[in-house]
Structures are given as C-alpha cells and as structure tokens.
Amino acid sequence: MYFHSDTVINTAGSAIAGATVTVYQSSGALAALYSDNGITPTVNPFTTNSTGGLSFYAANGIYTMMISGTGIVPTAATFTLGATAANFSDQETPAGLINGSNTVFTVANLPSPSTSLSAMIRQGGKGAFLPMNQPIDYTVSGKTVTLTNAPAVGSNLAFSYRYQ
C-alpha cells in the first residue's frame, strides 16, 4: 500500500472544500481506497476536507483522479503509486523558460501514447499542482509540449506521462 495526499485549489490558489474526488484504476474501474495501510476500506468517490485536502492509501499502480463539484470544471490527473512502471515519468519538470510568454516546453522522453501526458501547474510556486489536461490547454508533438497559455512568472510546471 502507498499513501497519497494532495490539496485541491482553484486558479487563485484558494483551497476548495467539498470537491468530489473519484479515483480510477488504469483499467477505468473504481480504485479500492483505504484510510490506513490496507486494512480499513474507505469510500470512492469522496469529498475534500475543509482545507481542500484529500488523502488515502491504495495499492501500487497507475491511477486517474477526477475532481468535480459545483462551480468546478471537471479535471483529471494521472499519477502512479509505487514502482509499477519503469517507463513512467511522474511530475517531471520540463526544459523551457517560464517567463510569462513562453508556451513551448520539452520533456525528457517521448510520451507513448501522447494522450498519456498530463500537465500540471502550480501558480506562483505555492500550493498543490493543478491539473490542466483539458484538450484545449496543450498539444503534444514528439517530446515538445505547446501550451495554449504561457505559465505566469514564478509558476512551476510539471508533466506526468508514460513512455517506451
């Protein structure tokens, strides 16, 4: 079992309490989640706490976490727990300048499939990464990722993806 915790925040950096979180296995089935190290099952989906926090234990594997709720654009992020895939890059910092105008970044490996790539940004370098994997937010061509909008100065950018 592996522990996962995160905080759901909006684009202004404020925590989102009561957001619905659904965790799926890579097969698309609901993931089995636990409140402790594999002993006590917990519900899936569940809601974030009063500070936007979430945490659970799950077996090693590749998961997709869907965040939704009133006033929230449904957003998904793919992540891995444990050492399940030798060919998985998790929150890799890409090559490319974050200067408020640059939109082109390069990852270390060729995403395969390219649709496995998930982009995340941390505005102002604070708080949890915000998934931004809506189709209009970026395009992937080889190892090059082109964002629709440039990250703001001081932001952190990360990509998670599978590769061969």
C-alpha atoms as a PDB file:
ATOM      1  CA  MET A   1       0.000   0.000   0.000  1.00  0.00           C
ATOM      2  CA  TYR A   2       1.086   3.531  -0.760  1.00  0.00           C
ATOM      3  CA  PHE A   3      -0.098   6.803   0.772  1.00  0.00           C
ATOM      4  CA  HIS A   4      -1.299   9.667  -1.430  1.00  0.00           C
ATOM      5  CA  SER A   5      -2.247  13.138  -0.220  1.00  0.00           C
ATOM      6  CA  ASP A   6      -2.945  16.371  -2.040  1.00  0.00           C
ATOM      7  CA  THR A   7      -4.808  19.659  -1.804  1.00  0.00           C
ATOM      8  CA  VAL A   8      -7.363  20.818  -4.362  1.00  0.00           C
ATOM      9  CA  ILE A   9      -7.048  24.545  -5.076  1.00  0.00           C
ATOM     10  CA  ASN A  10      -8.540  26.931  -7.604  1.00  0.00           C
ATOM     11  CA  THR A  11      -6.584  29.118 -10.028  1.00  0.00           C
ATOM     12  CA  ALA A  12      -6.360  31.856  -7.370  1.00  0.00           C
ATOM     13  CA  GLY A  13      -4.613  29.412  -5.019  1.00  0.00           C
ATOM     14  CA  SER A  14      -7.558  29.052  -2.626  1.00  0.00           C
ATOM     15  CA  ALA A  15      -8.425  25.619  -1.232  1.00  0.00           C
ATOM     16  CA  ILE A  16     -11.639  24.012  -2.489  1.00  0.00           C
ATOM     17  CA  ALA A  17     -13.532  22.331   0.342  1.00  0.00           C
ATOM     18  CA  GLY A  18     -16.180  19.778  -0.580  1.00  0.00           C
ATOM     19  CA  ALA A  19     -14.869  18.964  -4.072  1.00  0.00           C
ATOM     20  CA  THR A  20     -15.801  15.468  -5.237  1.00  0.00           C
ATOM     21  CA  VAL A  21     -12.775  13.218  -5.836  1.00  0.00           C
ATOM     22  CA  THR A  22     -13.105   9.952  -7.763  1.00  0.00           C
ATOM     23  CA  VAL A  23     -10.067   7.691  -8.192  1.00  0.00           C
ATOM     24  CA  TYR A  24      -9.929   5.211 -11.072  1.00  0.00           C
ATOM     25  CA  GLN A  25      -7.515   2.372 -11.821  1.00  0.00           C
ATOM     26  CA  SER A  26      -5.765   2.448 -15.204  1.00  0.00           C
ATOM     27  CA  SER A  27      -8.427  -0.053 -16.392  1.00  0.00           C
ATOM     28  CA  GLY A  28     -11.122   2.574 -15.762  1.00  0.00           C
ATOM     29  CA  ALA A  29     -12.627   0.729 -12.768  1.00  0.00           C
ATOM     30  CA  LEU A  30     -13.060   2.494  -9.438  1.00  0.00           C
ATOM     31  CA  ALA A  31      -9.929   2.080  -7.317  1.00  0.00           C
ATOM     32  CA  ALA A  32     -10.016   0.353  -3.930  1.00  0.00           C
ATOM     33  CA  LEU A  33      -9.013   3.010  -1.395  1.00  0.00           C
ATOM     34  CA  TYR A  34      -8.130   2.676   2.278  1.00  0.00           C
ATOM     35  CA  SER A  35      -7.994   5.062   5.228  1.00  0.00           C
ATOM     36  CA  ASP A  36      -4.967   3.227   6.587  1.00  0.00           C
ATOM     37  CA  ASN A  37      -2.301   0.873   5.267  1.00  0.00           C
ATOM     38  CA  GLY A  38      -4.677  -1.573   3.534  1.00  0.00           C
ATOM     39  CA  ILE A  39      -6.858  -2.553   6.473  1.00  0.00           C
ATOM     40  CA  THR A  40      -9.889  -0.235   6.512  1.00  0.00           C
ATOM     41  CA  PRO A  41     -11.637   0.375   3.159  1.00  0.00           C
ATOM     42  CA  THR A  42     -12.877   3.910   2.529  1.00  0.00           C
ATOM     43  CA  VAL A  43     -15.418   5.334   0.082  1.00  0.00           C
ATOM     44  CA  ASN A  44     -14.648   6.209  -3.516  1.00  0.00           C
ATOM     45  CA  PRO A  45     -15.745   8.797  -4.583  1.00  0.00           C
ATOM     46  CA  PHE A  46     -15.225  11.071  -1.561  1.00  0.00           C
ATOM     47  CA  THR A  47     -15.050  14.827  -0.849  1.00  0.00           C
ATOM     48  CA  THR A  48     -12.157  17.077   0.106  1.00  0.00           C
ATOM     49  CA  ASN A  49     -11.983  18.276   3.702  1.00  0.00           C
ATOM     50  CA  SER A  50     -12.488  21.860   4.937  1.00  0.00           C
ATOM     51  CA  THR A  51      -8.979  22.840   3.779  1.00  0.00           C
ATOM     52  CA  GLY A  52      -9.301  21.192   0.348  1.00  0.00           C
ATOM     53  CA  GLY A  53      -7.190  18.263   1.494  1.00  0.00           C
ATOM     54  CA  LEU A  54      -7.504  14.649   0.471  1.00  0.00           C
ATOM     55  CA  SER A  55      -5.609  11.520   1.418  1.00  0.00           C
ATOM     56  CA  PHE A  56      -5.860   7.771   1.009  1.00  0.00           C
ATOM     57  CA  TYR A  57      -3.884   4.565   0.706  1.00  0.00           C
ATOM     58  CA  ALA A  58      -4.008   2.398  -2.424  1.00  0.00           C
ATOM     59  CA  ALA A  59      -2.049  -0.477  -3.932  1.00  0.00           C
ATOM     60  CA  ASN A  60       0.816   0.341  -6.244  1.00  0.00           C
ATOM     61  CA  GLY A  61      -0.481   1.183  -9.708  1.00  0.00           C
ATOM     62  CA  ILE A  62      -1.371   3.907 -12.161  1.00  0.00           C
ATOM     63  CA  TYR A  63      -4.458   5.933 -11.255  1.00  0.00           C
ATOM     64  CA  THR A  64      -6.540   8.781 -12.599  1.00  0.00           C
ATOM     65  CA  MET A  65      -8.077  11.171 -10.098  1.00  0.00           C
ATOM     66  CA  MET A  66     -11.141  13.129 -11.246  1.00  0.00           C
ATOM     67  CA  ILE A  67     -12.024  16.354  -9.405  1.00  0.00           C
ATOM     68  CA  SER A  68     -15.559  17.731  -9.824  1.00  0.00           C
ATOM     69  CA  GLY A  69     -18.269  19.618  -7.987  1.00  0.00           C
ATOM     70  CA  THR A  70     -20.450  22.691  -8.044  1.00  0.00           C
ATOM     71  CA  GLY A  71     -18.647  25.506  -9.839  1.00  0.00           C
ATOM     72  CA  ILE A  72     -15.672  23.263 -10.695  1.00  0.00           C
ATOM     73  CA  VAL A  73     -14.657  22.403 -14.244  1.00  0.00           C
ATOM     74  CA  PRO A  74     -14.198  18.600 -14.071  1.00  0.00           C
ATOM     75  CA  THR A  75     -10.452  17.943 -14.139  1.00  0.00           C
ATOM     76  CA  ALA A  76      -8.455  14.703 -14.274  1.00  0.00           C
ATOM     77  CA  ALA A  77      -4.860  13.931 -13.324  1.00  0.00           C
ATOM     78  CA  THR A  78      -2.982  10.671 -13.822  1.00  0.00           C
ATOM     79  CA  PHE A  79      -0.427   9.572 -11.230  1.00  0.00           C
ATOM     80  CA  THR A  80       1.397   6.457 -10.127  1.00  0.00           C
ATOM     81  CA  LEU A  81       1.855   4.944  -6.681  1.00  0.00           C
ATOM     82  CA  GLY A  82       4.804   2.647  -6.073  1.00  0.00           C
ATOM     83  CA  ALA A  83       7.226   1.322  -8.642  1.00  0.00           C
ATOM     84  CA  THR A  84       4.747  -0.175 -11.089  1.00  0.00           C
ATOM     85  CA  ALA A  85       6.123   1.166 -14.315  1.00  0.00           C
ATOM     86  CA  ALA A  86       9.788   1.637 -15.123  1.00  0.00           C
ATOM     87  CA  ASN A  87       8.599   3.768 -18.037  1.00  0.00           C
ATOM     88  CA  PHE A  88       6.563   6.400 -16.266  1.00  0.00           C
ATOM     89  CA  SER A  89       7.633   9.962 -15.627  1.00  0.00           C
ATOM     90  CA  ASP A  90       5.893  11.496 -12.616  1.00  0.00           C
ATOM     91  CA  GLN A  91       5.780  15.296 -12.223  1.00  0.00           C
ATOM     92  CA  GLU A  92       8.817  15.853 -14.455  1.00  0.00           C
ATOM     93  CA  THR A  93       9.989  19.453 -14.739  1.00  0.00           C
ATOM     94  CA  PRO A  94      10.317  20.115 -18.484  1.00  0.00           C
ATOM     95  CA  ALA A  95      13.008  22.088 -20.270  1.00  0.00           C
ATOM     96  CA  GLY A  96      11.788  25.562 -21.181  1.00  0.00           C
ATOM     97  CA  LEU A  97      11.735  29.041 -19.729  1.00  0.00           C
ATOM     98  CA  ILE A  98       8.791  30.163 -17.564  1.00  0.00           C
ATOM     99  CA  ASN A  99       8.810  33.877 -18.321  1.00  0.00           C
ATOM    100  CA  GLY A 100       5.134  34.707 -18.809  1.00  0.00           C
ATOM    101  CA  SER A 101       5.282  34.450 -22.611  1.00  0.00           C
ATOM    102  CA  ASN A 102       6.952  31.108 -23.494  1.00  0.00           C
ATOM    103  CA  THR A 103       4.491  28.317 -24.317  1.00  0.00           C
ATOM    104  CA  VAL A 104       6.898  25.640 -25.657  1.00  0.00           C
ATOM    105  CA  PHE A 105       8.439  23.038 -23.338  1.00  0.00           C
ATOM    106  CA  THR A 106      10.363  19.800 -23.879  1.00  0.00           C
ATOM    107  CA  VAL A 107      10.079  16.574 -21.878  1.00  0.00           C
ATOM    108  CA  ALA A 108      12.955  14.098 -21.461  1.00  0.00           C
ATOM    109  CA  ASN A 109      11.238  11.109 -23.104  1.00  0.00           C
ATOM    110  CA  LEU A 110       8.778  10.534 -25.940  1.00  0.00           C
ATOM    111  CA  PRO A 111       5.279  10.241 -24.393  1.00  0.00           C
ATOM    112  CA  SER A 112       3.701   6.992 -25.572  1.00  0.00           C
ATOM    113  CA  PRO A 113       0.874   7.281 -26.156  1.00  0.00           C
ATOM    114  CA  SER A 114       0.925  11.084 -26.367  1.00  0.00           C
ATOM    115  CA  THR A 115      -2.524  11.118 -24.733  1.00  0.00           C
ATOM    116  CA  SER A 116      -0.943   9.733 -21.532  1.00  0.00           C
ATOM    117  CA  LEU A 117       0.638  13.135 -20.877  1.00  0.00           C
ATOM    118  CA  SER A 118      -0.891  15.132 -18.042  1.00  0.00           C
ATOM    119  CA  ALA A 119       0.213  18.730 -17.447  1.00  0.00           C
ATOM    120  CA  MET A 120       0.125  20.369 -14.025  1.00  0.00           C
ATOM    121  CA  ILE A 121       0.880  23.904 -12.911  1.00  0.00           C
ATOM    122  CA  ARG A 122       1.448  25.436  -9.514  1.00  0.00           C
ATOM    123  CA  GLN A 123       0.618  29.145  -9.755  1.00  0.00           C
ATOM    124  CA  GLY A 124       3.175  31.324  -8.034  1.00  0.00           C
ATOM    125  CA  GLY A 125       5.053  28.211  -6.902  1.00  0.00           C
ATOM    126  CA  LYS A 126       2.653  27.747  -3.967  1.00  0.00           C
ATOM    127  CA  GLY A 127       0.174  25.017  -3.058  1.00  0.00           C
ATOM    128  CA  ALA A 128      -0.583  21.783  -4.863  1.00  0.00           C
ATOM    129  CA  PHE A 129      -0.206  21.246  -8.576  1.00  0.00           C
ATOM    130  CA  LEU A 130      -3.401  21.976 -10.536  1.00  0.00           C
ATOM    131  CA  PRO A 131      -4.116  19.500 -13.337  1.00  0.00           C
ATOM    132  CA  MET A 132      -4.693  21.172 -16.672  1.00  0.00           C
ATOM    133  CA  ASN A 133      -5.226  18.261 -19.024  1.00  0.00           C
ATOM    134  CA  GLN A 134      -8.208  19.626 -20.913  1.00  0.00           C
ATOM    135  CA  PRO A 135      -7.625  19.060 -24.660  1.00  0.00           C
ATOM    136  CA  ILE A 136      -7.511  22.800 -25.418  1.00  0.00           C
ATOM    137  CA  ASP A 137      -4.772  23.538 -22.861  1.00  0.00           C
ATOM    138  CA  TYR A 138      -1.832  21.987 -24.722  1.00  0.00           C
ATOM    139  CA  THR A 139      -0.718  19.936 -27.697  1.00  0.00           C
ATOM    140  CA  VAL A 140       1.979  17.254 -27.842  1.00  0.00           C
ATOM    141  CA  SER A 141       4.281  16.693 -30.824  1.00  0.00           C
ATOM    142  CA  GLY A 142       7.124  14.283 -30.154  1.00  0.00           C
ATOM    143  CA  LYS A 143       8.869  15.486 -26.984  1.00  0.00           C
ATOM    144  CA  THR A 144       7.543  19.041 -27.439  1.00  0.00           C
ATOM    145  CA  VAL A 145       4.562  20.249 -25.423  1.00  0.00           C
ATOM    146  CA  THR A 146       2.981  23.533 -26.509  1.00  0.00           C
ATOM    147  CA  LEU A 147       0.661  25.189 -24.003  1.00  0.00           C
ATOM    148  CA  THR A 148      -2.284  27.334 -25.116  1.00  0.00           C
ATOM    149  CA  ASN A 149      -1.407  29.931 -22.462  1.00  0.00           C
ATOM    150  CA  ALA A 150       2.017  30.735 -21.052  1.00  0.00           C
ATOM    151  CA  PRO A 151       2.559  29.955 -17.364  1.00  0.00           C
ATOM    152  CA  ALA A 152       2.944  33.058 -15.205  1.00  0.00           C
ATOM    153  CA  VAL A 153       6.370  34.066 -13.958  1.00  0.00           C
ATOM    154  CA  GLY A 154       7.092  32.245 -10.691  1.00  0.00           C
ATOM    155  CA  SER A 155       4.875  29.253 -11.544  1.00  0.00           C
ATOM    156  CA  ASN A 156       6.046  25.646 -11.536  1.00  0.00           C
ATOM    157  CA  LEU A 157       5.187  23.349 -14.437  1.00  0.00           C
ATOM    158  CA  ALA A 158       5.265  19.545 -14.350  1.00  0.00           C
ATOM    159  CA  PHE A 159       4.316  16.727 -16.708  1.00  0.00           C
ATOM    160  CA  SER A 160       3.463  13.103 -15.949  1.00  0.00           C
ATOM    161  CA  TYR A 161       3.391  10.582 -18.793  1.00  0.00           C
ATOM    162  CA  ARG A 162       4.130   7.050 -19.971  1.00  0.00           C
ATOM    163  CA  TYR A 163       6.976   6.374 -22.388  1.00  0.00           C
ATOM    164  CA  GLN A 164       8.614   3.409 -24.102  1.00  0.00           C
END
